[in-house]
């Protein structure tokens, strides 16, 4: 049980770093993906494809 929690926390931290990094990279193009529970959950579950999907949704809205 403890290993699962540690693995989940590691994935959450990596998802946060990925979202923060993509926001820093794309700030010059005025793209901002908010870092909240929903985006963290999507990025934790799906990884990089979810970030690409969030960027695509940003352009659609």
PDB file of N, CA and C in Angstrom:
ATOM      1  N   UNK A   1       0.827  -1.192   0.000  1.00  0.00           N
ATOM      2  CA  UNK A   1       0.000   0.000   0.000  1.00  0.00           C
ATOM      3  C   UNK A   1       0.873   1.258   0.000  1.00  0.00           C
ATOM      4  N   UNK A   2       1.951   1.243   0.758  1.00  0.00           N
ATOM      5  CA  UNK A   2       2.828   2.397   0.838  1.00  0.00           C
ATOM      6  C   UNK A   2       3.521   2.678  -0.476  1.00  0.00           C
ATOM      7  N   UNK A   3       3.884   1.607  -1.210  1.00  0.00           N
ATOM      8  CA  UNK A   3       4.561   1.790  -2.491  1.00  0.00           C
ATOM      9  C   UNK A   3       3.637   2.458  -3.510  1.00  0.00           C
ATOM     10  N   UNK A   4       2.366   2.132  -3.450  1.00  0.00           N
ATOM     11  CA  UNK A   4       1.400   2.724  -4.380  1.00  0.00           C
ATOM     12  C   UNK A   4       1.265   4.224  -4.112  1.00  0.00           C
ATOM     13  N   UNK A   5       1.215   4.595  -2.840  1.00  0.00           N
ATOM     14  CA  UNK A   5       1.079   6.011  -2.486  1.00  0.00           C
ATOM     15  C   UNK A   5       2.323   6.783  -2.907  1.00  0.00           C
ATOM     16  N   UNK A   6       3.500   6.206  -2.676  1.00  0.00           N
ATOM     17  CA  UNK A   6       4.743   6.870  -3.068  1.00  0.00           C
ATOM     18  C   UNK A   6       4.791   7.039  -4.580  1.00  0.00           C
ATOM     19  N   UNK A   7       4.370   6.024  -5.323  1.00  0.00           N
ATOM     20  CA  UNK A   7       4.361   6.095  -6.786  1.00  0.00           C
ATOM     21  C   UNK A   7       3.386   7.171  -7.274  1.00  0.00           C
ATOM     22  N   UNK A   8       2.231   7.270  -6.646  1.00  0.00           N
ATOM     23  CA  UNK A   8       1.238   8.275  -7.013  1.00  0.00           C
ATOM     24  C   UNK A   8       1.751   9.688  -6.728  1.00  0.00           C
ATOM     25  N   UNK A   9       2.406   9.876  -5.594  1.00  0.00           N
ATOM     26  CA  UNK A   9       2.948  11.196  -5.254  1.00  0.00           C
ATOM     27  C   UNK A   9       4.043  11.576  -6.237  1.00  0.00           C
ATOM     28  N   UNK A  10       4.881  10.620  -6.646  1.00  0.00           N
ATOM     29  CA  UNK A  10       5.919  10.898  -7.640  1.00  0.00           C
ATOM     30  C   UNK A  10       5.302  11.313  -8.969  1.00  0.00           C
ATOM     31  N   UNK A  11       4.236  10.620  -9.380  1.00  0.00           N
ATOM     32  CA  UNK A  11       3.568  10.977 -10.636  1.00  0.00           C
ATOM     33  C   UNK A  11       2.926  12.355 -10.548  1.00  0.00           C
ATOM     34  N   UNK A  12       2.347  12.690  -9.401  1.00  0.00           N
ATOM     35  CA  UNK A  12       1.751  14.014  -9.220  1.00  0.00           C
ATOM     36  C   UNK A  12       2.815  15.105  -9.298  1.00  0.00           C
ATOM     37  N   UNK A  13       3.957  14.878  -8.674  1.00  0.00           N
ATOM     38  CA  UNK A  13       5.042  15.864  -8.722  1.00  0.00           C
ATOM     39  C   UNK A  13       5.559  16.030 -10.140  1.00  0.00           C
ATOM     40  N   UNK A  14       5.703  14.935 -10.864  1.00  0.00           N
ATOM     41  CA  UNK A  14       6.158  15.011 -12.249  1.00  0.00           C
ATOM     42  C   UNK A  14       5.133  15.741 -13.115  1.00  0.00           C
ATOM     43  N   UNK A  15       3.855  15.501 -12.883  1.00  0.00           N
ATOM     44  CA  UNK A  15       2.808  16.187 -13.639  1.00  0.00           C
ATOM     45  C   UNK A  15       2.851  17.685 -13.365  1.00  0.00           C
ATOM     46  N   UNK A  16       3.072  18.064 -12.116  1.00  0.00           N
ATOM     47  CA  UNK A  16       3.170  19.487 -11.772  1.00  0.00           C
ATOM     48  C   UNK A  16       4.356  20.131 -12.480  1.00  0.00           C
ATOM     49  N   UNK A  17       5.494  19.449 -12.462  1.00  0.00           N
ATOM     50  CA  UNK A  17       6.695  19.989 -13.104  1.00  0.00           C
ATOM     51  C   UNK A  17       6.492  20.099 -14.614  1.00  0.00           C
ATOM     52  N   UNK A  18       5.833  19.103 -15.219  1.00  0.00           N
ATOM     53  CA  UNK A  18       5.578  19.171 -16.661  1.00  0.00           C
ATOM     54  C   UNK A  18       4.663  20.336 -17.006  1.00  0.00           C
ATOM     55  N   UNK A  19       3.600  20.522 -16.232  1.00  0.00           N
ATOM     56  CA  UNK A  19       2.689  21.634 -16.502  1.00  0.00           C
ATOM     57  C   UNK A  19       3.377  22.980 -16.295  1.00  0.00           C
ATOM     58  N   UNK A  20       4.162  23.092 -15.242  1.00  0.00           N
ATOM     59  CA  UNK A  20       4.881  24.337 -14.988  1.00  0.00           C
ATOM     60  C   UNK A  20       5.882  24.605 -16.112  1.00  0.00           C
ATOM     61  N   UNK A  21       6.589  23.567 -16.534  1.00  0.00           N
ATOM     62  CA  UNK A  21       7.566  23.722 -17.607  1.00  0.00           C
ATOM     63  C   UNK A  21       6.926  24.127 -18.919  1.00  0.00           C
ATOM     64  N   UNK A  22       5.809  23.501 -19.268  1.00  0.00           N
ATOM     65  CA  UNK A  22       5.146  23.836 -20.536  1.00  0.00           C
ATOM     66  C   UNK A  22       4.592  25.261 -20.463  1.00  0.00           C
ATOM     67  N   UNK A  23       4.165  25.701 -19.287  1.00  0.00           N
ATOM     68  CA  UNK A  23       3.705  27.087 -19.147  1.00  0.00           C
ATOM     69  C   UNK A  23       4.856  28.061 -19.332  1.00  0.00           C
ATOM     70  N   UNK A  24       6.032  27.719 -18.818  1.00  0.00           N
ATOM     71  CA  UNK A  24       7.190  28.598 -18.978  1.00  0.00           C
ATOM     72  C   UNK A  24       7.642  28.642 -20.440  1.00  0.00           C
ATOM     73  N   UNK A  25       7.612  27.504 -21.115  1.00  0.00           N
ATOM     74  CA  UNK A  25       8.046  27.447 -22.512  1.00  0.00           C
ATOM     75  C   UNK A  25       7.071  28.198 -23.416  1.00  0.00           C
ATOM     76  N   UNK A  26       5.784  28.006 -23.191  1.00  0.00           N
ATOM     77  CA  UNK A  26       4.773  28.585 -24.070  1.00  0.00           C
ATOM     78  C   UNK A  26       4.316  29.980 -23.636  1.00  0.00           C
ATOM     79  N   UNK A  27       4.935  30.545 -22.628  1.00  0.00           N
ATOM     80  CA  UNK A  27       4.516  31.882 -22.186  1.00  0.00           C
ATOM     81  C   UNK A  27       4.818  32.943 -23.243  1.00  0.00           C
ATOM     82  N   UNK A  28       5.806  32.706 -24.067  1.00  0.00           N
ATOM     83  CA  UNK A  28       6.115  33.649 -25.136  1.00  0.00           C
ATOM     84  C   UNK A  28       5.055  33.679 -26.219  1.00  0.00           C
ATOM     85  N   UNK A  29       4.243  32.635 -26.308  1.00  0.00           N
ATOM     86  CA  UNK A  29       3.190  32.544 -27.318  1.00  0.00           C
ATOM     87  C   UNK A  29       1.828  32.856 -26.690  1.00  0.00           C
ATOM     88  N   UNK A  30       1.844  33.317 -25.447  1.00  0.00           N
ATOM     89  CA  UNK A  30       0.629  33.649 -24.691  1.00  0.00           C
ATOM     90  C   UNK A  30      -0.299  32.454 -24.513  1.00  0.00           C
ATOM     91  N   UNK A  31       0.270  31.293 -24.264  1.00  0.00           N
ATOM     92  CA  UNK A  31      -0.516  30.114 -23.921  1.00  0.00           C
ATOM     93  C   UNK A  31      -0.283  29.835 -22.450  1.00  0.00           C
ATOM     94  N   UNK A  32      -1.375  29.707 -21.702  1.00  0.00           N
ATOM     95  CA  UNK A  32      -1.280  29.425 -20.274  1.00  0.00           C
ATOM     96  C   UNK A  32      -2.263  28.328 -19.924  1.00  0.00           C
ATOM     97  N   UNK A  33      -1.761  27.239 -19.381  1.00  0.00           N
ATOM     98  CA  UNK A  33      -2.602  26.150 -18.902  1.00  0.00           C
ATOM     99  C   UNK A  33      -2.636  26.254 -17.379  1.00  0.00           C
ATOM    100  N   UNK A  34      -3.806  26.502 -16.809  1.00  0.00           N
ATOM    101  CA  UNK A  34      -3.857  26.638 -15.352  1.00  0.00           C
ATOM    102  C   UNK A  34      -3.495  25.326 -14.663  1.00  0.00           C
ATOM    103  N   UNK A  35      -2.786  25.442 -13.558  1.00  0.00           N
ATOM    104  CA  UNK A  35      -2.419  24.256 -12.788  1.00  0.00           C
ATOM    105  C   UNK A  35      -3.426  24.127 -11.655  1.00  0.00           C
ATOM    106  N   UNK A  36      -4.359  23.211 -11.824  1.00  0.00           N
ATOM    107  CA  UNK A  36      -5.372  22.960 -10.807  1.00  0.00           C
ATOM    108  C   UNK A  36      -5.590  21.452 -10.679  1.00  0.00           C
ATOM    109  N   UNK A  37      -6.562  21.050  -9.914  1.00  0.00           N
ATOM    110  CA  UNK A  37      -6.797  19.633  -9.643  1.00  0.00           C
ATOM    111  C   UNK A  37      -7.115  18.871 -10.925  1.00  0.00           C
ATOM    112  N   UNK A  38      -7.913  19.441 -11.795  1.00  0.00           N
ATOM    113  CA  UNK A  38      -8.334  18.747 -13.011  1.00  0.00           C
ATOM    114  C   UNK A  38      -7.158  18.534 -13.955  1.00  0.00           C
ATOM    115  N   UNK A  39      -6.375  19.587 -14.191  1.00  0.00           N
ATOM    116  CA  UNK A  39      -5.242  19.439 -15.105  1.00  0.00           C
ATOM    117  C   UNK A  39      -4.170  18.529 -14.515  1.00  0.00           C
ATOM    118  N   UNK A  40      -3.968  18.590 -13.203  1.00  0.00           N
ATOM    119  CA  UNK A  40      -3.014  17.681 -12.574  1.00  0.00           C
ATOM    120  C   UNK A  40      -3.484  16.237 -12.670  1.00  0.00           C
ATOM    121  N   UNK A  41      -4.770  16.000 -12.465  1.00  0.00           N
ATOM    122  CA  UNK A  41      -5.290  14.634 -12.554  1.00  0.00           C
ATOM    123  C   UNK A  41      -5.170  14.094 -13.980  1.00  0.00           C
ATOM    124  N   UNK A  42      -5.492  14.927 -14.962  1.00  0.00           N
ATOM    125  CA  UNK A  42      -5.363  14.494 -16.360  1.00  0.00           C
ATOM    126  C   UNK A  42      -3.919  14.191 -16.722  1.00  0.00           C
ATOM    127  N   UNK A  43      -3.015  15.063 -16.323  1.00  0.00           N
ATOM    128  CA  UNK A  43      -1.611  14.872 -16.658  1.00  0.00           C
ATOM    129  C   UNK A  43      -1.033  13.681 -15.905  1.00  0.00           C
ATOM    130  N   UNK A  44      -1.467  13.459 -14.681  1.00  0.00           N
ATOM    131  CA  UNK A  44      -1.004  12.299 -13.927  1.00  0.00           C
ATOM    132  C   UNK A  44      -1.477  11.013 -14.576  1.00  0.00           C
ATOM    133  N   UNK A  45      -2.720  10.991 -15.016  1.00  0.00           N
ATOM    134  CA  UNK A  45      -3.288   9.765 -15.578  1.00  0.00           C
ATOM    135  C   UNK A  45      -2.811   9.496 -17.003  1.00  0.00           C
ATOM    136  N   UNK A  46      -2.711  10.536 -17.833  1.00  0.00           N
ATOM    137  CA  UNK A  46      -2.450  10.326 -19.254  1.00  0.00           C
ATOM    138  C   UNK A  46      -1.060  10.747 -19.713  1.00  0.00           C
ATOM    139  N   UNK A  47      -0.403  11.614 -18.963  1.00  0.00           N
ATOM    140  CA  UNK A  47       0.949  12.020 -19.324  1.00  0.00           C
ATOM    141  C   UNK A  47       0.987  13.124 -20.370  1.00  0.00           C
ATOM    142  N   UNK A  48       1.993  13.053 -21.234  1.00  0.00           N
ATOM    143  CA  UNK A  48       2.228  14.100 -22.231  1.00  0.00           C
ATOM    144  C   UNK A  48       1.062  14.273 -23.217  1.00  0.00           C
ATOM    145  N   UNK A  49       0.383  13.212 -23.652  1.00  0.00           N
ATOM    146  CA  UNK A  49      -0.764  13.438 -24.551  1.00  0.00           C
ATOM    147  C   UNK A  49      -1.846  14.338 -23.946  1.00  0.00           C
ATOM    148  N   UNK A  50      -2.000  14.298 -22.635  1.00  0.00           N
ATOM    149  CA  UNK A  50      -3.002  15.177 -22.021  1.00  0.00           C
ATOM    150  C   UNK A  50      -2.568  16.639 -22.095  1.00  0.00           C
ATOM    151  N   UNK A  51      -1.262  16.895 -21.987  1.00  0.00           N
ATOM    152  CA  UNK A  51      -0.780  18.273 -22.111  1.00  0.00           C
ATOM    153  C   UNK A  51      -1.029  18.779 -23.525  1.00  0.00           C
ATOM    154  N   UNK A  52      -0.761  17.939 -24.504  1.00  0.00           N
ATOM    155  CA  UNK A  52      -1.030  18.328 -25.895  1.00  0.00           C
ATOM    156  C   UNK A  52      -2.523  18.572 -26.095  1.00  0.00           C
ATOM    157  N   UNK A  53      -3.350  17.750 -25.478  1.00  0.00           N
ATOM    158  CA  UNK A  53      -4.792  17.952 -25.567  1.00  0.00           C
ATOM    159  C   UNK A  53      -5.236  19.233 -24.899  1.00  0.00           C
ATOM    160  N   UNK A  54      -4.648  19.566 -23.770  1.00  0.00           N
ATOM    161  CA  UNK A  54      -4.987  20.818 -23.100  1.00  0.00           C
ATOM    162  C   UNK A  54      -4.581  22.027 -23.925  1.00  0.00           C
ATOM    163  N   UNK A  55      -3.448  21.951 -24.601  1.00  0.00           N
ATOM    164  CA  UNK A  55      -3.028  23.044 -25.490  1.00  0.00           C
ATOM    165  C   UNK A  55      -4.007  23.159 -26.654  1.00  0.00           C
ATOM    166  N   UNK A  56      -4.425  22.023 -27.202  1.00  0.00           N
ATOM    167  CA  UNK A  56      -5.393  22.038 -28.302  1.00  0.00           C
ATOM    168  C   UNK A  56      -6.726  22.637 -27.838  1.00  0.00           C
ATOM    169  N   UNK A  57      -7.160  22.305 -26.657  1.00  0.00           N
ATOM    170  CA  UNK A  57      -8.401  22.867 -26.119  1.00  0.00           C
ATOM    171  C   UNK A  57      -8.252  24.376 -25.925  1.00  0.00           C
ATOM    172  N   UNK A  58      -7.073  24.829 -25.521  1.00  0.00           N
ATOM    173  CA  UNK A  58      -6.821  26.263 -25.364  1.00  0.00           C
ATOM    174  C   UNK A  58      -7.048  26.988 -26.675  1.00  0.00           C
ATOM    175  N   UNK A  59      -6.598  26.384 -27.793  1.00  0.00           N
ATOM    176  CA  UNK A  59      -6.775  27.018 -29.101  1.00  0.00           C
ATOM    177  C   UNK A  59      -8.241  26.985 -29.543  1.00  0.00           C
ATOM    178  N   UNK A  60      -8.984  25.965 -29.163  1.00  0.00           N
ATOM    179  CA  UNK A  60     -10.382  25.863 -29.568  1.00  0.00           C
ATOM    180  C   UNK A  60     -11.284  26.840 -28.828  1.00  0.00           C
ATOM    181  N   UNK A  61     -10.917  27.176 -27.611  1.00  0.00           N
ATOM    182  CA  UNK A  61     -11.761  28.048 -26.787  1.00  0.00           C
ATOM    183  C   UNK A  61     -11.397  29.477 -26.964  1.00  0.00           C
TER     184      UNK A  61
END
